[in-house]
Amino acid sequence: MKILDEKRAPNPRRVRVFLAEKAIAVPFENVDIMSGAHKSEAFSGLNPVQRVPVLVLDDGTSISESIAICRYFEALQPEPSLFGQTPLEIATVEMWNRIAELNFLFPVAQCFRHSHPAMAGLEVPQVAAWAEANKPRVSDIIRILDRRLGEARYLAGERFSVADITAMIAADFMKPARLAVPEGVPHFARWHAEVTARPSSKA
């Protein structure tokens, strides 16, 4: 078993943080996406959409998409639960993870991919206007998350979950995307300081 990843990319980091929270050790193999290694025939055979991370099992089975990989390990080792336990917890974690993924991580990634010079060779064509269009969306969702975090310690309630991992990765990815956290979001700031202080955040 191994995980093909790229340490600079946000989605592989979601898996690394998740595994660190579970104290699960899996060997990682770097795929240099800047050199186009993810477009090789061998890698495309494992993941036809040519994205990292990819979990490769001992029998050769490959599982791509970071949340799918996390769900695999959650099923193997349910504790500590990061996807919820009761029906309500599971639904609430799923809801906030999707909100964080689609409304936070995605627009931050679009700002990065369509504005950073290093991505010019990978994001063809780069559309500067699309990066600009996503900037206010990032500020808007942070304000929404701030209101939520004024009600609960973590996004899905009083327990740390995969939703917090997704949102933390998005928040941290704002730096290379050259985005700033808006002013007046004290609950978001409190939450971010807390989740980035967890040892898993360094994974």
C-alpha atoms as a PDB file:
ATOM      1  CA  MET A   1       0.000   0.000   0.000  1.00  0.00           C
ATOM      2  CA  LYS A   2       1.174   3.506  -0.818  1.00  0.00           C
ATOM      3  CA  ILE A   3      -0.200   6.953  -1.538  1.00  0.00           C
ATOM      4  CA  LEU A   4       0.937   8.921  -4.553  1.00  0.00           C
ATOM      5  CA  ASP A   5       0.892  12.595  -3.690  1.00  0.00           C
ATOM      6  CA  GLU A   6       2.481  16.004  -4.112  1.00  0.00           C
ATOM      7  CA  LYS A   7       3.376  17.738  -0.861  1.00  0.00           C
ATOM      8  CA  ARG A   8       2.727  21.224  -2.189  1.00  0.00           C
ATOM      9  CA  ALA A   9      -0.843  20.451  -3.297  1.00  0.00           C
ATOM     10  CA  PRO A  10      -3.816  20.983  -0.967  1.00  0.00           C
ATOM     11  CA  ASN A  11      -5.818  17.818  -1.625  1.00  0.00           C
ATOM     12  CA  PRO A  12      -3.004  15.396  -0.785  1.00  0.00           C
ATOM     13  CA  ARG A  13      -2.484  17.364   2.416  1.00  0.00           C
ATOM     14  CA  ARG A  14      -6.083  16.620   3.405  1.00  0.00           C
ATOM     15  CA  VAL A  15      -5.218  12.919   3.374  1.00  0.00           C
ATOM     16  CA  ARG A  16      -1.948  13.409   5.279  1.00  0.00           C
ATOM     17  CA  VAL A  17      -3.692  15.384   8.029  1.00  0.00           C
ATOM     18  CA  PHE A  18      -6.505  12.833   8.207  1.00  0.00           C
ATOM     19  CA  LEU A  19      -4.060   9.938   8.571  1.00  0.00           C
ATOM     20  CA  ALA A  20      -2.098  11.838  11.201  1.00  0.00           C
ATOM     21  CA  GLU A  21      -5.277  12.312  13.233  1.00  0.00           C
ATOM     22  CA  LYS A  22      -5.851   8.557  12.981  1.00  0.00           C
ATOM     23  CA  ALA A  23      -2.196   7.741  13.717  1.00  0.00           C
ATOM     24  CA  ILE A  24      -2.134   5.596  10.564  1.00  0.00           C
ATOM     25  CA  ALA A  25       1.226   5.270   8.822  1.00  0.00           C
ATOM     26  CA  VAL A  26       1.194   4.812   5.055  1.00  0.00           C
ATOM     27  CA  PRO A  27       4.225   5.318   2.778  1.00  0.00           C
ATOM     28  CA  PHE A  28       3.981   8.272   0.410  1.00  0.00           C
ATOM     29  CA  GLU A  29       5.509   8.544  -3.034  1.00  0.00           C
ATOM     30  CA  ASN A  30       5.901  11.996  -4.536  1.00  0.00           C
ATOM     31  CA  VAL A  31       4.519  12.721  -7.989  1.00  0.00           C
ATOM     32  CA  ASP A  32       6.115  15.861  -9.396  1.00  0.00           C
ATOM     33  CA  ILE A  33       3.150  17.533 -11.036  1.00  0.00           C
ATOM     34  CA  MET A  34       5.234  20.558 -12.048  1.00  0.00           C
ATOM     35  CA  SER A  35       7.246  18.322 -14.352  1.00  0.00           C
ATOM     36  CA  GLY A  36       4.105  16.635 -15.676  1.00  0.00           C
ATOM     37  CA  ALA A  37       4.639  13.289 -13.924  1.00  0.00           C
ATOM     38  CA  HIS A  38       0.876  13.051 -13.291  1.00  0.00           C
ATOM     39  CA  LYS A  39       0.296  12.952 -17.047  1.00  0.00           C
ATOM     40  CA  SER A  40       2.428   9.864 -17.613  1.00  0.00           C
ATOM     41  CA  GLU A  41       0.867   6.706 -18.986  1.00  0.00           C
ATOM     42  CA  ALA A  42       1.602   4.825 -15.770  1.00  0.00           C
ATOM     43  CA  PHE A  43      -0.057   7.416 -13.548  1.00  0.00           C
ATOM     44  CA  SER A  44      -3.002   7.844 -15.913  1.00  0.00           C
ATOM     45  CA  GLY A  45      -3.598   4.119 -15.637  1.00  0.00           C
ATOM     46  CA  LEU A  46      -4.146   4.596 -11.904  1.00  0.00           C
ATOM     47  CA  ASN A  47      -6.179   7.794 -12.194  1.00  0.00           C
ATOM     48  CA  PRO A  48      -7.448   8.760 -15.647  1.00  0.00           C
ATOM     49  CA  VAL A  49      -8.230  12.337 -14.565  1.00  0.00           C
ATOM     50  CA  GLN A  50      -4.533  12.758 -13.662  1.00  0.00           C
ATOM     51  CA  ARG A  51      -4.916  14.188 -10.173  1.00  0.00           C
ATOM     52  CA  VAL A  52      -3.245  13.478  -6.845  1.00  0.00           C
ATOM     53  CA  PRO A  53      -3.617  11.880  -4.368  1.00  0.00           C
ATOM     54  CA  VAL A  54      -4.065   8.249  -5.334  1.00  0.00           C
ATOM     55  CA  LEU A  55      -4.114   5.366  -2.865  1.00  0.00           C
ATOM     56  CA  VAL A  56      -2.662   2.193  -4.378  1.00  0.00           C
ATOM     57  CA  LEU A  57      -3.545  -0.975  -2.479  1.00  0.00           C
ATOM     58  CA  ASP A  58      -1.379  -4.077  -2.311  1.00  0.00           C
ATOM     59  CA  ASP A  59      -3.499  -5.844  -4.931  1.00  0.00           C
ATOM     60  CA  GLY A  60      -3.049  -2.948  -7.366  1.00  0.00           C
ATOM     61  CA  THR A  61      -6.474  -1.390  -6.778  1.00  0.00           C
ATOM     62  CA  SER A  62      -6.308   2.387  -6.971  1.00  0.00           C
ATOM     63  CA  ILE A  63      -8.554   4.862  -5.162  1.00  0.00           C
ATOM     64  CA  SER A  64      -8.398   8.530  -6.101  1.00  0.00           C
ATOM     65  CA  GLU A  65     -10.069  11.632  -4.617  1.00  0.00           C
ATOM     66  CA  SER A  66      -8.957  12.710  -1.165  1.00  0.00           C
ATOM     67  CA  ILE A  67     -12.285  12.250   0.613  1.00  0.00           C
ATOM     68  CA  ALA A  68     -12.768   8.790  -0.902  1.00  0.00           C
ATOM     69  CA  ILE A  69      -9.334   7.838   0.448  1.00  0.00           C
ATOM     70  CA  CYS A  70     -10.228   9.255   3.861  1.00  0.00           C
ATOM     71  CA  ARG A  71     -13.490   7.290   3.908  1.00  0.00           C
ATOM     72  CA  TYR A  72     -11.556   4.108   3.133  1.00  0.00           C
ATOM     73  CA  PHE A  73      -9.360   4.589   6.183  1.00  0.00           C
ATOM     74  CA  GLU A  74     -12.311   5.673   8.338  1.00  0.00           C
ATOM     75  CA  ALA A  75     -13.978   2.340   7.532  1.00  0.00           C
ATOM     76  CA  LEU A  76     -10.770   0.444   8.335  1.00  0.00           C
ATOM     77  CA  GLN A  77     -10.216   2.322  11.588  1.00  0.00           C
ATOM     78  CA  PRO A  78     -13.399   4.010  12.852  1.00  0.00           C
ATOM     79  CA  GLU A  79     -11.781   5.612  15.900  1.00  0.00           C
ATOM     80  CA  PRO A  80     -11.242   8.428  16.344  1.00  0.00           C
ATOM     81  CA  SER A  81     -14.263   9.201  14.213  1.00  0.00           C
ATOM     82  CA  LEU A  82     -13.739  12.043  11.766  1.00  0.00           C
ATOM     83  CA  PHE A  83     -16.921  11.546   9.725  1.00  0.00           C
ATOM     84  CA  GLY A  84     -19.366  11.402  12.652  1.00  0.00           C
ATOM     85  CA  GLN A  85     -21.006   8.477  14.422  1.00  0.00           C
ATOM     86  CA  THR A  86     -24.739   9.071  14.807  1.00  0.00           C
ATOM     87  CA  PRO A  87     -26.940   9.688  11.746  1.00  0.00           C
ATOM     88  CA  LEU A  88     -27.172  13.381  12.640  1.00  0.00           C
ATOM     89  CA  GLU A  89     -23.412  13.718  13.190  1.00  0.00           C
ATOM     90  CA  ILE A  90     -22.644  11.970   9.903  1.00  0.00           C
ATOM     91  CA  ALA A  91     -25.028  14.233   7.988  1.00  0.00           C
ATOM     92  CA  THR A  92     -23.732  17.374   9.713  1.00  0.00           C
ATOM     93  CA  VAL A  93     -20.094  16.521   9.001  1.00  0.00           C
ATOM     94  CA  GLU A  94     -20.964  15.747   5.379  1.00  0.00           C
ATOM     95  CA  MET A  95     -22.838  19.041   5.045  1.00  0.00           C
ATOM     96  CA  TRP A  96     -20.037  21.214   6.415  1.00  0.00           C
ATOM     97  CA  ASN A  97     -17.349  19.312   4.547  1.00  0.00           C
ATOM     98  CA  ARG A  98     -19.183  19.916   1.282  1.00  0.00           C
ATOM     99  CA  ILE A  99     -19.675  23.572   2.145  1.00  0.00           C
ATOM    100  CA  ALA A 100     -15.971  23.924   2.922  1.00  0.00           C
ATOM    101  CA  GLU A 101     -14.923  22.015  -0.172  1.00  0.00           C
ATOM    102  CA  LEU A 102     -17.170  23.642  -2.769  1.00  0.00           C
ATOM    103  CA  ASN A 103     -17.402  27.158  -1.359  1.00  0.00           C
ATOM    104  CA  PHE A 104     -13.958  27.606   0.211  1.00  0.00           C
ATOM    105  CA  LEU A 105     -11.295  25.226  -1.082  1.00  0.00           C
ATOM    106  CA  PHE A 106     -12.523  25.325  -4.679  1.00  0.00           C
ATOM    107  CA  PRO A 107     -12.521  29.137  -5.117  1.00  0.00           C
ATOM    108  CA  VAL A 108      -9.165  29.464  -3.329  1.00  0.00           C
ATOM    109  CA  ALA A 109      -7.742  26.853  -5.704  1.00  0.00           C
ATOM    110  CA  GLN A 110      -9.196  28.678  -8.698  1.00  0.00           C
ATOM    111  CA  CYS A 111      -7.575  31.924  -7.581  1.00  0.00           C
ATOM    112  CA  PHE A 112      -4.243  30.132  -7.306  1.00  0.00           C
ATOM    113  CA  ARG A 113      -4.483  28.123 -10.508  1.00  0.00           C
ATOM    114  CA  HIS A 114      -5.604  31.065 -12.637  1.00  0.00           C
ATOM    115  CA  SER A 115      -3.302  33.767 -11.276  1.00  0.00           C
ATOM    116  CA  HIS A 116      -0.039  32.257 -10.046  1.00  0.00           C
ATOM    117  CA  PRO A 117       2.770  32.347 -12.650  1.00  0.00           C
ATOM    118  CA  ALA A 118       3.975  28.887 -11.610  1.00  0.00           C
ATOM    119  CA  MET A 119       0.660  27.408 -12.759  1.00  0.00           C
ATOM    120  CA  ALA A 120       0.762  28.846 -16.273  1.00  0.00           C
ATOM    121  CA  GLY A 121       2.019  25.596 -17.743  1.00  0.00           C
ATOM    122  CA  LEU A 122      -0.562  23.439 -15.935  1.00  0.00           C
ATOM    123  CA  GLU A 123      -3.696  25.566 -16.141  1.00  0.00           C
ATOM    124  CA  VAL A 124      -4.163  26.143 -19.857  1.00  0.00           C
ATOM    125  CA  PRO A 125      -5.601  28.606 -20.446  1.00  0.00           C
ATOM    126  CA  GLN A 126      -5.117  30.675 -17.316  1.00  0.00           C
ATOM    127  CA  VAL A 127      -8.092  33.009 -17.038  1.00  0.00           C
ATOM    128  CA  ALA A 128      -7.215  35.970 -14.866  1.00  0.00           C
ATOM    129  CA  ALA A 129     -10.817  37.166 -14.817  1.00  0.00           C
ATOM    130  CA  TRP A 130     -11.903  33.838 -13.297  1.00  0.00           C
ATOM    131  CA  ALA A 131      -9.358  34.249 -10.502  1.00  0.00           C
ATOM    132  CA  GLU A 132     -10.689  37.739  -9.808  1.00  0.00           C
ATOM    133  CA  ALA A 133     -14.283  36.495  -9.834  1.00  0.00           C
ATOM    134  CA  ASN A 134     -13.491  33.981  -7.107  1.00  0.00           C
ATOM    135  CA  LYS A 135     -11.811  36.406  -4.705  1.00  0.00           C
ATOM    136  CA  PRO A 136     -15.041  37.829  -3.210  1.00  0.00           C
ATOM    137  CA  ARG A 137     -16.418  34.305  -2.886  1.00  0.00           C
ATOM    138  CA  VAL A 138     -13.560  33.447  -0.553  1.00  0.00           C
ATOM    139  CA  SER A 139     -14.272  36.423   1.694  1.00  0.00           C
ATOM    140  CA  ASP A 140     -17.997  35.656   1.657  1.00  0.00           C
ATOM    141  CA  ILE A 141     -17.590  32.046   2.790  1.00  0.00           C
ATOM    142  CA  ILE A 142     -15.146  33.012   5.537  1.00  0.00           C
ATOM    143  CA  ARG A 143     -17.786  35.333   6.969  1.00  0.00           C
ATOM    144  CA  ILE A 144     -20.333  32.511   6.806  1.00  0.00           C
ATOM    145  CA  LEU A 145     -17.919  30.150   8.553  1.00  0.00           C
ATOM    146  CA  ASP A 146     -17.215  32.827  11.141  1.00  0.00           C
ATOM    147  CA  ARG A 147     -20.910  32.965  12.044  1.00  0.00           C
ATOM    148  CA  ARG A 148     -21.048  29.189  12.301  1.00  0.00           C
ATOM    149  CA  LEU A 149     -17.937  29.100  14.491  1.00  0.00           C
ATOM    150  CA  GLY A 150     -19.572  31.595  16.807  1.00  0.00           C
ATOM    151  CA  GLU A 151     -22.119  28.855  17.533  1.00  0.00           C
ATOM    152  CA  ALA A 152     -19.841  25.817  17.784  1.00  0.00           C
ATOM    153  CA  ARG A 153     -16.218  25.014  18.555  1.00  0.00           C
ATOM    154  CA  TYR A 154     -15.739  23.230  15.234  1.00  0.00           C
ATOM    155  CA  LEU A 155     -17.616  23.352  11.944  1.00  0.00           C
ATOM    156  CA  ALA A 156     -19.725  20.249  12.539  1.00  0.00           C
ATOM    157  CA  GLY A 157     -20.184  20.806  16.278  1.00  0.00           C
ATOM    158  CA  GLU A 158     -18.054  20.207  19.341  1.00  0.00           C
ATOM    159  CA  ARG A 159     -15.809  17.554  17.766  1.00  0.00           C
ATOM    160  CA  PHE A 160     -13.003  18.015  15.255  1.00  0.00           C
ATOM    161  CA  SER A 161     -13.909  16.407  11.929  1.00  0.00           C
ATOM    162  CA  VAL A 162     -12.902  16.061   8.310  1.00  0.00           C
ATOM    163  CA  ALA A 163     -14.864  19.261   7.649  1.00  0.00           C
ATOM    164  CA  ASP A 164     -12.319  21.148   9.757  1.00  0.00           C
ATOM    165  CA  ILE A 165      -9.484  19.506   7.850  1.00  0.00           C
ATOM    166  CA  THR A 166     -10.923  20.653   4.520  1.00  0.00           C
ATOM    167  CA  ALA A 167     -11.508  24.202   5.755  1.00  0.00           C
ATOM    168  CA  MET A 168      -8.056  24.402   7.352  1.00  0.00           C
ATOM    169  CA  ILE A 169      -6.386  23.312   4.130  1.00  0.00           C
ATOM    170  CA  ALA A 170      -8.385  25.954   2.247  1.00  0.00           C
ATOM    171  CA  ALA A 171      -7.439  28.656   4.757  1.00  0.00           C
ATOM    172  CA  ASP A 172      -3.750  27.752   4.601  1.00  0.00           C
ATOM    173  CA  PHE A 173      -3.830  27.621   0.800  1.00  0.00           C
ATOM    174  CA  MET A 174      -4.882  31.260   0.780  1.00  0.00           C
ATOM    175  CA  LYS A 175      -1.249  32.296   1.344  1.00  0.00           C
ATOM    176  CA  PRO A 176       0.173  30.911  -1.931  1.00  0.00           C
ATOM    177  CA  ALA A 177      -3.019  32.098  -3.647  1.00  0.00           C
ATOM    178  CA  ARG A 178      -2.198  35.611  -2.363  1.00  0.00           C
ATOM    179  CA  LEU A 179      -5.518  36.028  -0.595  1.00  0.00           C
ATOM    180  CA  ALA A 180      -6.130  37.780   2.704  1.00  0.00           C
ATOM    181  CA  VAL A 181      -8.577  36.865   5.453  1.00  0.00           C
ATOM    182  CA  PRO A 182     -11.178  39.629   5.740  1.00  0.00           C
ATOM    183  CA  GLU A 183     -11.331  41.712   8.892  1.00  0.00           C
ATOM    184  CA  GLY A 184     -13.937  41.171  11.574  1.00  0.00           C
ATOM    185  CA  VAL A 185     -13.977  37.362  11.721  1.00  0.00           C
ATOM    186  CA  PRO A 186     -12.871  36.613  15.320  1.00  0.00           C
ATOM    187  CA  HIS A 187     -14.503  33.182  15.521  1.00  0.00           C
ATOM    188  CA  PHE A 188     -12.828  32.064  12.312  1.00  0.00           C
ATOM    189  CA  ALA A 189      -9.491  33.357  13.631  1.00  0.00           C
ATOM    190  CA  ARG A 190      -9.973  31.503  16.938  1.00  0.00           C
ATOM    191  CA  TRP A 191     -10.842  28.289  15.115  1.00  0.00           C
ATOM    192  CA  HIS A 192      -7.915  28.552  12.684  1.00  0.00           C
ATOM    193  CA  ALA A 193      -5.437  29.101  15.505  1.00  0.00           C
ATOM    194  CA  GLU A 194      -6.827  26.056  17.294  1.00  0.00           C
ATOM    195  CA  VAL A 195      -6.845  23.645  14.349  1.00  0.00           C
ATOM    196  CA  THR A 196      -3.391  24.673  13.118  1.00  0.00           C
ATOM    197  CA  ALA A 197      -2.032  24.047  16.616  1.00  0.00           C
ATOM    198  CA  ARG A 198      -2.965  20.372  16.331  1.00  0.00           C
ATOM    199  CA  PRO A 199       0.090  18.176  15.610  1.00  0.00           C
ATOM    200  CA  SER A 200      -1.691  16.723  12.568  1.00  0.00           C
ATOM    201  CA  SER A 201      -1.627  20.107  10.816  1.00  0.00           C
ATOM    202  CA  LYS A 202       2.123  19.673  10.282  1.00  0.00           C
ATOM    203  CA  ALA A 203       1.642  16.411   8.362  1.00  0.00           C
END
